[in-house]
Amino acid sequence: MKTGQITQTYHISRDTLRFYITKGLLAPAIVQGHYKWSKDDCKDLENILQLRELGLSIKAIKRMKEVHDTMCGTREQWLENRQVLQDEIAERKAHIQQLEQQIQNMTELLEQLNEKIAEKA
């Protein structure tokens, strides 16, 4: 398959494909200066897109791919994947806490502004 077919089939941009290649998540063959996408490359891309849809980071997907490539189907793979997911969840929870703090700070600032506006009315 050619890159144009891949972008149309999976509704992604060439830049996204290049990004995944640069990050080491995809490694299509290069034939006469153009990427040639195999069925395995397409399966890898589908897996990446599914994991991205779940919200996993590129770092987590890369780690899961490395583990899959070296320990496929083993208990060690499952343990590592579990750890990757636990780390991703922890990062999301920390981000939520940070957002909640920002909301609280903004709400307090908004209340101060409302008080100043009421004083001038």
Protein backbone atom coordinates (compact mmCIF):
# COMPACT_ATOMS: atom_id res chain seq x y z
CA MET A 1 0.00 0.00 0.00
CA LYS A 2 1.17 3.53 -0.65
CA THR A 3 1.15 6.35 1.89
CA GLY A 4 -1.75 8.11 0.18
CA GLN A 5 -3.87 4.99 0.50
CA ILE A 6 -2.93 4.71 4.17
CA THR A 7 -3.91 8.32 4.89
CA GLN A 8 -7.27 7.82 3.17
CA THR A 9 -8.00 4.43 4.70
CA TYR A 10 -7.17 5.47 8.26
CA HIS A 11 -8.13 9.15 8.00
CA ILE A 12 -4.79 10.43 9.24
CA SER A 13 -2.30 12.88 7.86
CA ARG A 14 1.10 12.23 6.35
CA ASP A 15 2.56 14.27 9.21
CA THR A 16 1.00 11.87 11.72
CA LEU A 17 2.50 8.91 9.89
CA ARG A 18 5.91 10.60 9.80
CA PHE A 19 5.61 11.34 13.51
CA TYR A 20 4.90 7.69 14.30
CA ILE A 21 7.82 6.62 12.10
CA THR A 22 10.14 9.16 13.77
CA LYS A 23 9.10 7.91 17.21
CA GLY A 24 9.89 4.34 16.18
CA LEU A 25 6.30 3.13 16.34
CA LEU A 26 6.13 2.28 12.64
CA ALA A 27 8.83 1.06 10.27
CA PRO A 28 7.46 0.64 6.75
CA ALA A 29 9.87 -0.43 4.03
CA ILE A 30 11.26 2.25 1.76
CA VAL A 31 11.16 1.33 -1.92
CA GLN A 32 12.58 3.82 -4.44
CA GLY A 33 12.29 6.62 -1.91
CA HIS A 34 8.67 5.91 -0.98
CA TYR A 35 7.17 4.09 1.95
CA LYS A 36 5.66 0.71 1.13
CA TRP A 37 3.09 -0.32 3.74
CA SER A 38 2.67 -4.05 4.43
CA LYS A 39 -0.28 -5.74 6.12
CA ASP A 40 1.79 -5.93 9.31
CA ASP A 41 2.51 -2.19 9.11
CA CYS A 42 -1.23 -1.58 8.76
CA LYS A 43 -1.94 -3.80 11.78
CA ASP A 44 0.67 -1.87 13.77
CA LEU A 45 -0.93 1.40 12.73
CA GLU A 46 -4.38 0.13 13.69
CA ASN A 47 -3.05 -0.83 17.13
CA ILE A 48 -1.45 2.60 17.57
CA LEU A 49 -4.67 4.36 16.56
CA GLN A 50 -6.72 2.22 18.95
CA LEU A 51 -4.36 2.96 21.84
CA ARG A 52 -4.36 6.67 20.99
CA GLU A 53 -8.16 6.60 20.95
CA LEU A 54 -8.03 5.19 24.48
CA GLY A 55 -5.94 8.21 25.39
CA LEU A 56 -2.56 6.57 25.83
CA SER A 57 0.50 8.72 25.36
CA ILE A 58 3.07 8.08 22.65
CA LYS A 59 5.53 7.17 25.41
CA ALA A 60 3.16 4.50 26.74
CA ILE A 61 2.40 3.12 23.28
CA LYS A 62 6.10 2.94 22.49
CA ARG A 63 6.79 1.03 25.71
CA MET A 64 3.92 -1.37 25.06
CA LYS A 65 5.18 -1.98 21.52
CA GLU A 66 8.73 -2.64 22.75
CA VAL A 67 7.43 -5.12 25.30
CA HIS A 68 5.17 -6.75 22.72
CA ASP A 69 8.07 -7.11 20.29
CA THR A 70 10.35 -8.71 22.91
CA MET A 71 8.01 -10.58 25.28
CA CYS A 72 4.80 -11.21 23.33
CA GLY A 73 2.27 -13.34 25.17
CA THR A 74 4.29 -13.68 28.35
CA ARG A 75 3.40 -12.87 31.91
CA GLU A 76 6.17 -10.27 31.86
CA GLN A 77 4.45 -8.50 28.97
CA TRP A 78 1.17 -8.40 30.82
CA LEU A 79 2.82 -7.14 33.99
CA GLU A 80 4.63 -4.42 32.07
CA ASN A 81 1.48 -3.42 30.21
CA ARG A 82 -0.35 -3.24 33.52
CA GLN A 83 2.36 -0.95 34.88
CA VAL A 84 2.20 1.25 31.79
CA LEU A 85 -1.56 1.61 32.21
CA GLN A 86 -1.25 2.31 35.94
CA ASP A 87 1.32 5.01 35.18
CA GLU A 88 -0.94 6.56 32.53
CA ILE A 89 -3.87 6.59 34.96
CA ALA A 90 -1.72 8.21 37.66
CA GLU A 91 -0.61 10.90 35.20
CA ARG A 92 -4.23 11.60 34.24
CA LYS A 93 -5.27 11.84 37.89
CA ALA A 94 -2.43 14.29 38.59
CA HIS A 95 -3.50 16.33 35.58
CA ILE A 96 -7.10 16.36 36.81
CA GLN A 97 -5.94 17.60 40.22
CA GLN A 98 -3.93 20.34 38.53
CA LEU A 99 -6.95 21.37 36.46
CA GLU A 100 -9.19 21.36 39.52
CA GLN A 101 -6.71 23.65 41.31
CA GLN A 102 -6.65 25.98 38.32
CA ILE A 103 -10.45 26.08 38.29
CA GLN A 104 -10.47 26.90 42.00
CA ASN A 105 -7.92 29.68 41.48
CA MET A 106 -9.89 31.14 38.59
CA THR A 107 -13.12 30.94 40.55
CA GLU A 108 -11.53 32.85 43.42
CA LEU A 109 -10.24 35.49 41.01
CA LEU A 110 -13.66 35.73 39.42
CA GLU A 111 -15.24 36.27 42.84
CA GLN A 112 -12.73 39.06 43.56
CA LEU A 113 -13.57 40.70 40.25
CA ASN A 114 -17.28 40.43 40.93
CA GLU A 115 -16.78 42.09 44.32
CA LYS A 116 -14.83 44.96 42.73
CA ILE A 117 -17.49 45.37 40.06
CA ALA A 118 -20.23 45.40 42.71
CA GLU A 119 -18.32 48.04 44.69
CA LYS A 120 -18.19 50.34 41.66
CA ALA A 121 -21.86 49.89 40.80
